[in-house]
Amino acid sequence: MSELIIVILIGLVILYWQAAVRCKELAILGARKECQLCDVQLLDQTVHQIKVSLSRDVSGQWRIWREYAFDYTHDGEHRLGGRLTLLGQRVIRVALETFNPVIH
């Protein structure tokens, strides 16, 4: 019986890890798109997760809320910060330090 529980837990960890990797890919794409729209350069070509929590979406279902941070520059010298929020696998907010936040 305990072997079955261990196998189930390992399976759940693998599923969570796969979802987290997919969400990070979506966050990178969202940050890259927003930087292109605002004519700024995404630095390091990556994002890093700063917060994870549970929240309900508009239909009332529980989803994982992930917040990512990234750096960008508008002149090649100054490093500025941006944030991107995912609810489930949907980008719902992107905010750049020098621009107003965009709610999707």
PDB file of N, CA and C in Angstrom:
ATOM      1  N   MET A   1       0.821  -1.194   0.000  1.00  0.00           N
ATOM      2  CA  MET A   1       0.000   0.000   0.000  1.00  0.00           C
ATOM      3  C   MET A   1       0.865   1.258   0.000  1.00  0.00           C
ATOM      4  N   SER A   2       1.941   1.257   0.800  1.00  0.00           N
ATOM      5  CA  SER A   2       2.782   2.446   0.867  1.00  0.00           C
ATOM      6  C   SER A   2       3.513   2.682  -0.454  1.00  0.00           C
ATOM      7  N   GLU A   3       3.810   1.614  -1.208  1.00  0.00           N
ATOM      8  CA  GLU A   3       4.446   1.772  -2.513  1.00  0.00           C
ATOM      9  C   GLU A   3       3.517   2.497  -3.481  1.00  0.00           C
ATOM     10  N   LEU A   4       2.230   2.197  -3.405  1.00  0.00           N
ATOM     11  CA  LEU A   4       1.241   2.850  -4.258  1.00  0.00           C
ATOM     12  C   LEU A   4       1.169   4.348  -3.958  1.00  0.00           C
ATOM     13  N   ILE A   5       1.195   4.695  -2.702  1.00  0.00           N
ATOM     14  CA  ILE A   5       1.164   6.109  -2.312  1.00  0.00           C
ATOM     15  C   ILE A   5       2.410   6.825  -2.815  1.00  0.00           C
ATOM     16  N   ILE A   6       3.554   6.182  -2.713  1.00  0.00           N
ATOM     17  CA  ILE A   6       4.806   6.781  -3.191  1.00  0.00           C
ATOM     18  C   ILE A   6       4.752   6.984  -4.707  1.00  0.00           C
ATOM     19  N   VAL A   7       4.247   6.010  -5.446  1.00  0.00           N
ATOM     20  CA  VAL A   7       4.131   6.125  -6.903  1.00  0.00           C
ATOM     21  C   VAL A   7       3.179   7.261  -7.268  1.00  0.00           C
ATOM     22  N   ILE A   8       2.069   7.380  -6.566  1.00  0.00           N
ATOM     23  CA  ILE A   8       1.111   8.458  -6.826  1.00  0.00           C
ATOM     24  C   ILE A   8       1.744   9.815  -6.539  1.00  0.00           C
ATOM     25  N   LEU A   9       2.458   9.920  -5.432  1.00  0.00           N
ATOM     26  CA  LEU A   9       3.124  11.187  -5.103  1.00  0.00           C
ATOM     27  C   LEU A   9       4.180  11.560  -6.135  1.00  0.00           C
ATOM     28  N   ILE A  10       4.942  10.593  -6.587  1.00  0.00           N
ATOM     29  CA  ILE A  10       5.953  10.857  -7.626  1.00  0.00           C
ATOM     30  C   ILE A  10       5.253  11.318  -8.908  1.00  0.00           C
ATOM     31  N   GLY A  11       4.154  10.677  -9.256  1.00  0.00           N
ATOM     32  CA  GLY A  11       3.388  11.087 -10.438  1.00  0.00           C
ATOM     33  C   GLY A  11       2.870  12.508 -10.327  1.00  0.00           C
ATOM     34  N   LEU A  12       2.370  12.880  -9.149  1.00  0.00           N
ATOM     35  CA  LEU A  12       1.878  14.243  -8.939  1.00  0.00           C
ATOM     36  C   LEU A  12       3.002  15.273  -9.026  1.00  0.00           C
ATOM     37  N   VAL A  13       4.155  14.935  -8.491  1.00  0.00           N
ATOM     38  CA  VAL A  13       5.308  15.838  -8.572  1.00  0.00           C
ATOM     39  C   VAL A  13       5.721  16.040 -10.029  1.00  0.00           C
ATOM     40  N   ILE A  14       5.735  14.977 -10.796  1.00  0.00           N
ATOM     41  CA  ILE A  14       6.101  15.073 -12.211  1.00  0.00           C
ATOM     42  C   ILE A  14       5.091  15.928 -12.970  1.00  0.00           C
ATOM     43  N   LEU A  15       3.798  15.741 -12.712  1.00  0.00           N
ATOM     44  CA  LEU A  15       2.775  16.547 -13.373  1.00  0.00           C
ATOM     45  C   LEU A  15       2.920  18.027 -13.016  1.00  0.00           C
ATOM     46  N   TYR A  16       3.170  18.325 -11.745  1.00  0.00           N
ATOM     47  CA  TYR A  16       3.354  19.715 -11.329  1.00  0.00           C
ATOM     48  C   TYR A  16       4.589  20.312 -11.999  1.00  0.00           C
ATOM     49  N   TRP A  17       5.669  19.554 -12.048  1.00  0.00           N
ATOM     50  CA  TRP A  17       6.900  20.045 -12.663  1.00  0.00           C
ATOM     51  C   TRP A  17       6.681  20.359 -14.141  1.00  0.00           C
ATOM     52  N   GLN A  18       5.981  19.474 -14.863  1.00  0.00           N
ATOM     53  CA  GLN A  18       5.698  19.720 -16.273  1.00  0.00           C
ATOM     54  C   GLN A  18       4.849  20.976 -16.463  1.00  0.00           C
ATOM     55  N   ALA A  19       3.846  21.166 -15.615  1.00  0.00           N
ATOM     56  CA  ALA A  19       3.002  22.358 -15.707  1.00  0.00           C
ATOM     57  C   ALA A  19       3.817  23.609 -15.401  1.00  0.00           C
ATOM     58  N   ALA A  20       4.715  23.533 -14.419  1.00  0.00           N
ATOM     59  CA  ALA A  20       5.545  24.685 -14.066  1.00  0.00           C
ATOM     60  C   ALA A  20       6.484  25.065 -15.207  1.00  0.00           C
ATOM     61  N   VAL A  21       7.047  24.074 -15.890  1.00  0.00           N
ATOM     62  CA  VAL A  21       7.930  24.341 -17.034  1.00  0.00           C
ATOM     63  C   VAL A  21       7.133  24.997 -18.152  1.00  0.00           C
ATOM     64  N   ARG A  22       5.944  24.494 -18.426  1.00  0.00           N
ATOM     65  CA  ARG A  22       5.089  25.077 -19.469  1.00  0.00           C
ATOM     66  C   ARG A  22       4.706  26.515 -19.115  1.00  0.00           C
ATOM     67  N   CYS A  23       4.388  26.763 -17.868  1.00  0.00           N
ATOM     68  CA  CYS A  23       4.022  28.119 -17.453  1.00  0.00           C
ATOM     69  C   CYS A  23       5.206  29.074 -17.572  1.00  0.00           C
ATOM     70  N   LYS A  24       6.399  28.613 -17.256  1.00  0.00           N
ATOM     71  CA  LYS A  24       7.571  29.472 -17.412  1.00  0.00           C
ATOM     72  C   LYS A  24       7.789  29.807 -18.882  1.00  0.00           C
ATOM     73  N   GLU A  25       7.585  28.831 -19.772  1.00  0.00           N
ATOM     74  CA  GLU A  25       7.702  29.091 -21.204  1.00  0.00           C
ATOM     75  C   GLU A  25       6.680  30.141 -21.647  1.00  0.00           C
ATOM     76  N   LEU A  26       5.442  30.031 -21.144  1.00  0.00           N
ATOM     77  CA  LEU A  26       4.411  31.016 -21.461  1.00  0.00           C
ATOM     78  C   LEU A  26       4.780  32.397 -20.928  1.00  0.00           C
ATOM     79  N   ALA A  27       5.364  32.440 -19.739  1.00  0.00           N
ATOM     80  CA  ALA A  27       5.779  33.713 -19.155  1.00  0.00           C
ATOM     81  C   ALA A  27       6.894  34.359 -19.971  1.00  0.00           C
ATOM     82  N   ILE A  28       7.835  33.562 -20.436  1.00  0.00           N
ATOM     83  CA  ILE A  28       8.916  34.101 -21.272  1.00  0.00           C
ATOM     84  C   ILE A  28       8.339  34.662 -22.571  1.00  0.00           C
ATOM     85  N   LEU A  29       7.426  33.922 -23.193  1.00  0.00           N
ATOM     86  CA  LEU A  29       6.799  34.405 -24.423  1.00  0.00           C
ATOM     87  C   LEU A  29       6.005  35.687 -24.178  1.00  0.00           C
ATOM     88  N   GLY A  30       5.274  35.744 -23.069  1.00  0.00           N
ATOM     89  CA  GLY A  30       4.506  36.944 -22.736  1.00  0.00           C
ATOM     90  C   GLY A  30       5.394  38.152 -22.476  1.00  0.00           C
ATOM     91  N   ALA A  31       6.480  37.946 -21.754  1.00  0.00           N
ATOM     92  CA  ALA A  31       7.415  39.041 -21.478  1.00  0.00           C
ATOM     93  C   ALA A  31       8.079  39.510 -22.763  1.00  0.00           C
ATOM     94  N   ARG A  32       8.464  38.577 -23.604  1.00  0.00           N
ATOM     95  CA  ARG A  32       9.104  38.924 -24.879  1.00  0.00           C
ATOM     96  C   ARG A  32       8.135  39.726 -25.761  1.00  0.00           C
ATOM     97  N   LYS A  33       6.873  39.286 -25.817  1.00  0.00           N
ATOM     98  CA  LYS A  33       5.872  39.978 -26.629  1.00  0.00           C
ATOM     99  C   LYS A  33       5.625  41.394 -26.116  1.00  0.00           C
ATOM    100  N   GLU A  34       5.496  41.533 -24.805  1.00  0.00           N
ATOM    101  CA  GLU A  34       5.252  42.858 -24.226  1.00  0.00           C
ATOM    102  C   GLU A  34       6.439  43.785 -24.461  1.00  0.00           C
ATOM    103  N   CYS A  35       7.652  43.255 -24.341  1.00  0.00           N
ATOM    104  CA  CYS A  35       8.845  44.067 -24.601  1.00  0.00           C
ATOM    105  C   CYS A  35       8.891  44.512 -26.060  1.00  0.00           C
ATOM    106  N   GLN A  36       8.500  43.647 -26.972  1.00  0.00           N
ATOM    107  CA  GLN A  36       8.464  44.030 -28.384  1.00  0.00           C
ATOM    108  C   GLN A  36       7.423  45.112 -28.625  1.00  0.00           C
ATOM    109  N   LEU A  37       6.242  44.978 -28.000  1.00  0.00           N
ATOM    110  CA  LEU A  37       5.187  45.979 -28.161  1.00  0.00           C
ATOM    111  C   LEU A  37       5.607  47.346 -27.627  1.00  0.00           C
ATOM    112  N   CYS A  38       6.386  47.361 -26.557  1.00  0.00           N
ATOM    113  CA  CYS A  38       6.812  48.611 -25.939  1.00  0.00           C
ATOM    114  C   CYS A  38       8.163  49.093 -26.464  1.00  0.00           C
ATOM    115  N   ASP A  39       8.723  48.383 -27.425  1.00  0.00           N
ATOM    116  CA  ASP A  39       9.995  48.738 -28.047  1.00  0.00           C
ATOM    117  C   ASP A  39      11.132  48.826 -27.017  1.00  0.00           C
ATOM    118  N   VAL A  40      11.209  47.813 -26.168  1.00  0.00           N
ATOM    119  CA  VAL A  40      12.306  47.690 -25.208  1.00  0.00           C
ATOM    120  C   VAL A  40      12.925  46.303 -25.389  1.00  0.00           C
ATOM    121  N   GLN A  41      14.085  46.087 -24.780  1.00  0.00           N
ATOM    122  CA  GLN A  41      14.804  44.824 -24.926  1.00  0.00           C
ATOM    123  C   GLN A  41      14.690  43.993 -23.648  1.00  0.00           C
ATOM    124  N   LEU A  42      14.230  42.758 -23.784  1.00  0.00           N
ATOM    125  CA  LEU A  42      14.186  41.809 -22.672  1.00  0.00           C
ATOM    126  C   LEU A  42      15.606  41.351 -22.382  1.00  0.00           C
ATOM    127  N   LEU A  43      16.049  41.540 -21.160  1.00  0.00           N
ATOM    128  CA  LEU A  43      17.409  41.155 -20.789  1.00  0.00           C
ATOM    129  C   LEU A  43      17.443  39.711 -20.315  1.00  0.00           C
ATOM    130  N   ASP A  44      18.518  39.040 -20.579  1.00  0.00           N
ATOM    131  CA  ASP A  44      18.766  37.656 -20.157  1.00  0.00           C
ATOM    132  C   ASP A  44      17.806  36.660 -20.788  1.00  0.00           C
ATOM    133  N   GLN A  45      16.840  37.120 -21.569  1.00  0.00           N
ATOM    134  CA  GLN A  45      15.878  36.270 -22.276  1.00  0.00           C
ATOM    135  C   GLN A  45      15.181  35.276 -21.361  1.00  0.00           C
ATOM    136  N   THR A  46      14.935  35.665 -20.116  1.00  0.00           N
ATOM    137  CA  THR A  46      14.284  34.750 -19.192  1.00  0.00           C
ATOM    138  C   THR A  46      13.489  35.508 -18.130  1.00  0.00           C
ATOM    139  N   VAL A  47      12.691  34.776 -17.383  1.00  0.00           N
ATOM    140  CA  VAL A  47      11.917  35.288 -16.252  1.00  0.00           C
ATOM    141  C   VAL A  47      12.233  34.413 -15.050  1.00  0.00           C
ATOM    142  N   HIS A  48      11.922  34.915 -13.844  1.00  0.00           N
ATOM    143  CA  HIS A  48      12.063  34.053 -12.669  1.00  0.00           C
ATOM    144  C   HIS A  48      10.816  34.195 -11.807  1.00  0.00           C
ATOM    145  N   GLN A  49      10.404  33.075 -11.259  1.00  0.00           N
ATOM    146  CA  GLN A  49       9.179  33.020 -10.473  1.00  0.00           C
ATOM    147  C   GLN A  49       9.418  33.640  -9.110  1.00  0.00           C
ATOM    148  N   ILE A  50       8.504  34.518  -8.701  1.00  0.00           N
ATOM    149  CA  ILE A  50       8.648  35.160  -7.394  1.00  0.00           C
ATOM    150  C   ILE A  50       7.503  34.839  -6.445  1.00  0.00           C
ATOM    151  N   LYS A  51       6.390  34.310  -6.975  1.00  0.00           N
ATOM    152  CA  LYS A  51       5.261  34.022  -6.101  1.00  0.00           C
ATOM    153  C   LYS A  51       4.385  32.939  -6.724  1.00  0.00           C
ATOM    154  N   VAL A  52       3.873  32.051  -5.873  1.00  0.00           N
ATOM    155  CA  VAL A  52       2.912  31.024  -6.284  1.00  0.00           C
ATOM    156  C   VAL A  52       1.822  30.972  -5.233  1.00  0.00           C
ATOM    157  N   SER A  53       0.577  30.978  -5.678  1.00  0.00           N
ATOM    158  CA  SER A  53      -0.544  30.849  -4.746  1.00  0.00           C
ATOM    159  C   SER A  53      -1.744  30.285  -5.495  1.00  0.00           C
ATOM    160  N   LEU A  54      -2.814  30.024  -4.782  1.00  0.00           N
ATOM    161  CA  LEU A  54      -4.049  29.547  -5.390  1.00  0.00           C
ATOM    162  C   LEU A  54      -5.047  30.697  -5.449  1.00  0.00           C
ATOM    163  N   SER A  55      -5.808  30.742  -6.539  1.00  0.00           N
ATOM    164  CA  SER A  55      -6.823  31.769  -6.716  1.00  0.00           C
ATOM    165  C   SER A  55      -7.913  31.223  -7.621  1.00  0.00           C
ATOM    166  N   ARG A  56      -9.082  31.819  -7.547  1.00  0.00           N
ATOM    167  CA  ARG A  56     -10.183  31.411  -8.422  1.00  0.00           C
ATOM    168  C   ARG A  56     -10.168  32.254  -9.690  1.00  0.00           C
ATOM    169  N   ASP A  57     -10.504  31.604 -10.804  1.00  0.00           N
ATOM    170  CA  ASP A  57     -10.609  32.347 -12.055  1.00  0.00           C
ATOM    171  C   ASP A  57     -12.021  32.916 -12.190  1.00  0.00           C
ATOM    172  N   VAL A  58     -12.341  33.507 -13.355  1.00  0.00           N
ATOM    173  CA  VAL A  58     -13.645  34.151 -13.538  1.00  0.00           C
ATOM    174  C   VAL A  58     -14.805  33.167 -13.486  1.00  0.00           C
ATOM    175  N   SER A  59     -14.548  31.900 -13.775  1.00  0.00           N
ATOM    176  CA  SER A  59     -15.615  30.899 -13.704  1.00  0.00           C
ATOM    177  C   SER A  59     -15.714  30.234 -12.332  1.00  0.00           C
ATOM    178  N   GLY A  60     -14.879  30.678 -11.385  1.00  0.00           N
ATOM    179  CA  GLY A  60     -14.949  30.154 -10.028  1.00  0.00           C
ATOM    180  C   GLY A  60     -14.102  28.922  -9.768  1.00  0.00           C
ATOM    181  N   GLN A  61     -13.330  28.469 -10.752  1.00  0.00           N
ATOM    182  CA  GLN A  61     -12.485  27.286 -10.557  1.00  0.00           C
ATOM    183  C   GLN A  61     -11.147  27.700  -9.952  1.00  0.00           C
ATOM    184  N   TRP A  62     -10.609  26.830  -9.101  1.00  0.00           N
ATOM    185  CA  TRP A  62      -9.301  27.083  -8.502  1.00  0.00           C
ATOM    186  C   TRP A  62      -8.212  26.910  -9.545  1.00  0.00           C
ATOM    187  N   ARG A  63      -7.296  27.858  -9.584  1.00  0.00           N
ATOM    188  CA  ARG A  63      -6.146  27.817 -10.494  1.00  0.00           C
ATOM    189  C   ARG A  63      -4.897  28.204  -9.716  1.00  0.00           C
ATOM    190  N   ILE A  64      -3.761  27.840 -10.267  1.00  0.00           N
ATOM    191  CA  ILE A  64      -2.491  28.249  -9.662  1.00  0.00           C
ATOM    192  C   ILE A  64      -2.131  29.623 -10.208  1.00  0.00           C
ATOM    193  N   TRP A  65      -1.888  30.563  -9.303  1.00  0.00           N
ATOM    194  CA  TRP A  65      -1.527  31.933  -9.617  1.00  0.00           C
ATOM    195  C   TRP A  65      -0.014  32.023  -9.510  1.00  0.00           C
ATOM    196  N   ARG A  66       0.647  32.370 -10.606  1.00  0.00           N
ATOM    197  CA  ARG A  66       2.107  32.473 -10.605  1.00  0.00           C
ATOM    198  C   ARG A  66       2.500  33.885 -11.016  1.00  0.00           C
ATOM    199  N   GLU A  67       3.447  34.447 -10.290  1.00  0.00           N
ATOM    200  CA  GLU A  67       3.963  35.765 -10.647  1.00  0.00           C
ATOM    201  C   GLU A  67       5.446  35.643 -10.970  1.00  0.00           C
ATOM    202  N   TYR A  68       5.849  36.244 -12.073  1.00  0.00           N
ATOM    203  CA  TYR A  68       7.230  36.191 -12.548  1.00  0.00           C
ATOM    204  C   TYR A  68       7.781  37.606 -12.651  1.00  0.00           C
ATOM    205  N   ALA A  69       9.076  37.726 -12.466  1.00  0.00           N
ATOM    206  CA  ALA A  69       9.774  39.003 -12.660  1.00  0.00           C
ATOM    207  C   ALA A  69      10.779  38.835 -13.789  1.00  0.00           C
ATOM    208  N   PHE A  70      11.053  39.939 -14.473  1.00  0.00           N
ATOM    209  CA  PHE A  70      12.052  39.932 -15.533  1.00  0.00           C
ATOM    210  C   PHE A  70      12.666  41.320 -15.624  1.00  0.00           C
ATOM    211  N   ASP A  71      13.797  41.399 -16.299  1.00  0.00           N
ATOM    212  CA  ASP A  71      14.488  42.665 -16.480  1.00  0.00           C
ATOM    213  C   ASP A  71      14.464  43.052 -17.945  1.00  0.00           C
ATOM    214  N   TYR A  72      14.426  44.368 -18.177  1.00  0.00           N
ATOM    215  CA  TYR A  72      14.459  44.881 -19.533  1.00  0.00           C
ATOM    216  C   TYR A  72      15.202  46.211 -19.539  1.00  0.00           C
ATOM    217  N   THR A  73      15.527  46.695 -20.723  1.00  0.00           N
ATOM    218  CA  THR A  73      16.182  47.987 -20.855  1.00  0.00           C
ATOM    219  C   THR A  73      15.581  48.721 -22.042  1.00  0.00           C
ATOM    220  N   HIS A  74      15.517  50.015 -21.929  1.00  0.00           N
ATOM    221  CA  HIS A  74      15.023  50.811 -23.058  1.00  0.00           C
ATOM    222  C   HIS A  74      16.161  51.547 -23.762  1.00  0.00           C
ATOM    223  N   ASP A  75      17.334  51.631 -23.117  1.00  0.00           N
ATOM    224  CA  ASP A  75      18.450  52.365 -23.713  1.00  0.00           C
ATOM    225  C   ASP A  75      19.755  51.570 -23.751  1.00  0.00           C
ATOM    226  N   GLY A  76      19.743  50.357 -23.253  1.00  0.00           N
ATOM    227  CA  GLY A  76      20.949  49.536 -23.257  1.00  0.00           C
ATOM    228  C   GLY A  76      21.850  49.750 -22.067  1.00  0.00           C
ATOM    229  N   GLU A  77      21.550  50.739 -21.223  1.00  0.00           N
ATOM    230  CA  GLU A  77      22.386  51.018 -20.055  1.00  0.00           C
ATOM    231  C   GLU A  77      21.693  50.724 -18.733  1.00  0.00           C
ATOM    232  N   HIS A  78      20.436  51.098 -18.622  1.00  0.00           N
ATOM    233  CA  HIS A  78      19.714  50.968 -17.358  1.00  0.00           C
ATOM    234  C   HIS A  78      18.855  49.712 -17.355  1.00  0.00           C
ATOM    235  N   ARG A  79      18.970  48.967 -16.259  1.00  0.00           N
ATOM    236  CA  ARG A  79      18.190  47.739 -16.080  1.00  0.00           C
ATOM    237  C   ARG A  79      16.930  48.095 -15.289  1.00  0.00           C
ATOM    238  N   LEU A  80      15.771  47.791 -15.882  1.00  0.00           N
ATOM    239  CA  LEU A  80      14.485  48.066 -15.254  1.00  0.00           C
ATOM    240  C   LEU A  80      13.742  46.756 -15.045  1.00  0.00           C
ATOM    241  N   GLY A  81      12.751  46.780 -14.167  1.00  0.00           N
ATOM    242  CA  GLY A  81      12.041  45.558 -13.826  1.00  0.00           C
ATOM    243  C   GLY A  81      10.648  45.486 -14.410  1.00  0.00           C
ATOM    244  N   GLY A  82      10.232  44.271 -14.695  1.00  0.00           N
ATOM    245  CA  GLY A  82       8.879  44.006 -15.152  1.00  0.00           C
ATOM    246  C   GLY A  82       8.312  42.817 -14.415  1.00  0.00           C
ATOM    247  N   ARG A  83       6.982  42.734 -14.405  1.00  0.00           N
ATOM    248  CA  ARG A  83       6.306  41.604 -13.764  1.00  0.00           C
ATOM    249  C   ARG A  83       5.231  41.071 -14.682  1.00  0.00           C
ATOM    250  N   LEU A  84       5.026  39.774 -14.595  1.00  0.00           N
ATOM    251  CA  LEU A  84       4.025  39.103 -15.396  1.00  0.00           C
ATOM    252  C   LEU A  84       3.273  38.139 -14.495  1.00  0.00           C
ATOM    253  N   THR A  85       1.952  38.102 -14.634  1.00  0.00           N
ATOM    254  CA  THR A  85       1.126  37.240 -13.802  1.00  0.00           C
ATOM    255  C   THR A  85       0.372  36.248 -14.668  1.00  0.00           C
ATOM    256  N   LEU A  86       0.436  34.985 -14.281  1.00  0.00           N
ATOM    257  CA  LEU A  86      -0.323  33.914 -14.934  1.00  0.00           C
ATOM    258  C   LEU A  86      -1.365  33.386 -13.961  1.00  0.00           C
ATOM    259  N   LEU A  87      -2.562  33.132 -14.470  1.00  0.00           N
ATOM    260  CA  LEU A  87      -3.587  32.427 -13.706  1.00  0.00           C
ATOM    261  C   LEU A  87      -3.879  31.160 -14.486  1.00  0.00           C
ATOM    262  N   GLY A  88      -3.471  30.035 -13.938  1.00  0.00           N
ATOM    263  CA  GLY A  88      -3.496  28.794 -14.711  1.00  0.00           C
ATOM    264  C   GLY A  88      -2.413  28.895 -15.774  1.00  0.00           C
ATOM    265  N   GLN A  89      -2.806  28.758 -17.030  1.00  0.00           N
ATOM    266  CA  GLN A  89      -1.850  28.909 -18.130  1.00  0.00           C
ATOM    267  C   GLN A  89      -2.239  30.085 -19.007  1.00  0.00           C
ATOM    268  N   ARG A  90      -2.766  31.135 -18.378  1.00  0.00           N
ATOM    269  CA  ARG A  90      -3.201  32.322 -19.106  1.00  0.00           C
ATOM    270  C   ARG A  90      -2.529  33.557 -18.523  1.00  0.00           C
ATOM    271  N   VAL A  91      -1.910  34.359 -19.397  1.00  0.00           N
ATOM    272  CA  VAL A  91      -1.304  35.615 -18.961  1.00  0.00           C
ATOM    273  C   VAL A  91      -2.437  36.593 -18.680  1.00  0.00           C
ATOM    274  N   ILE A  92      -2.476  37.109 -17.455  1.00  0.00           N
ATOM    275  CA  ILE A  92      -3.548  38.057 -17.132  1.00  0.00           C
ATOM    276  C   ILE A  92      -3.034  39.467 -16.874  1.00  0.00           C
ATOM    277  N   ARG A  93      -1.726  39.626 -16.663  1.00  0.00           N
ATOM    278  CA  ARG A  93      -1.207  40.966 -16.395  1.00  0.00           C
ATOM    279  C   ARG A  93       0.277  41.020 -16.713  1.00  0.00           C
ATOM    280  N   VAL A  94       0.673  42.094 -17.378  1.00  0.00           N
ATOM    281  CA  VAL A  94       2.085  42.378 -17.612  1.00  0.00           C
ATOM    282  C   VAL A  94       2.308  43.826 -17.235  1.00  0.00           C
ATOM    283  N   ALA A  95       3.303  44.083 -16.419  1.00  0.00           N
ATOM    284  CA  ALA A  95       3.603  45.450 -15.999  1.00  0.00           C
ATOM    285  C   ALA A  95       5.087  45.720 -16.172  1.00  0.00           C
ATOM    286  N   LEU A  96       5.401  46.796 -16.867  1.00  0.00           N
ATOM    287  CA  LEU A  96       6.776  47.248 -17.007  1.00  0.00           C
ATOM    288  C   LEU A  96       6.960  48.473 -16.120  1.00  0.00           C
ATOM    289  N   GLU A  97       8.130  48.605 -15.533  1.00  0.00           N
ATOM    290  CA  GLU A  97       8.396  49.669 -14.572  1.00  0.00           C
ATOM    291  C   GLU A  97       8.144  51.062 -15.142  1.00  0.00           C
ATOM    292  N   THR A  98       8.439  51.259 -16.409  1.00  0.00           N
ATOM    293  CA  THR A  98       8.308  52.589 -17.004  1.00  0.00           C
ATOM    294  C   THR A  98       7.014  52.775 -17.790  1.00  0.00           C
ATOM    295  N   PHE A  99       6.132  51.781 -17.802  1.00  0.00           N
ATOM    296  CA  PHE A  99       4.877  51.852 -18.542  1.00  0.00           C
ATOM    297  C   PHE A  99       3.727  51.468 -17.612  1.00  0.00           C
ATOM    298  N   ASN A 100       2.513  51.811 -18.004  1.00  0.00           N
ATOM    299  CA  ASN A 100       1.332  51.393 -17.250  1.00  0.00           C
ATOM    300  C   ASN A 100       1.122  49.899 -17.414  1.00  0.00           C
ATOM    301  N   PRO A 101       0.612  49.218 -16.383  1.00  0.00           N
ATOM    302  CA  PRO A 101       0.390  47.772 -16.513  1.00  0.00           C
ATOM    303  C   PRO A 101      -0.698  47.479 -17.548  1.00  0.00           C
ATOM    304  N   VAL A 102      -0.500  46.401 -18.271  1.00  0.00           N
ATOM    305  CA  VAL A 102      -1.464  45.958 -19.271  1.00  0.00           C
ATOM    306  C   VAL A 102      -2.214  44.775 -18.701  1.00  0.00           C
ATOM    307  N   ILE A 103      -3.518  44.907 -18.609  1.00  0.00           N
ATOM    308  CA  ILE A 103      -4.362  43.815 -18.124  1.00  0.00           C
ATOM    309  C   ILE A 103      -4.923  43.107 -19.347  1.00  0.00           C
ATOM    310  N   HIS A 104      -4.723  41.790 -19.417  1.00  0.00           N
ATOM    311  CA  HIS A 104      -5.194  41.018 -20.586  1.00  0.00           C
ATOM    312  C   HIS A 104      -6.478  40.315 -20.250  1.00  0.00           C
TER     313      HIS A 104
END
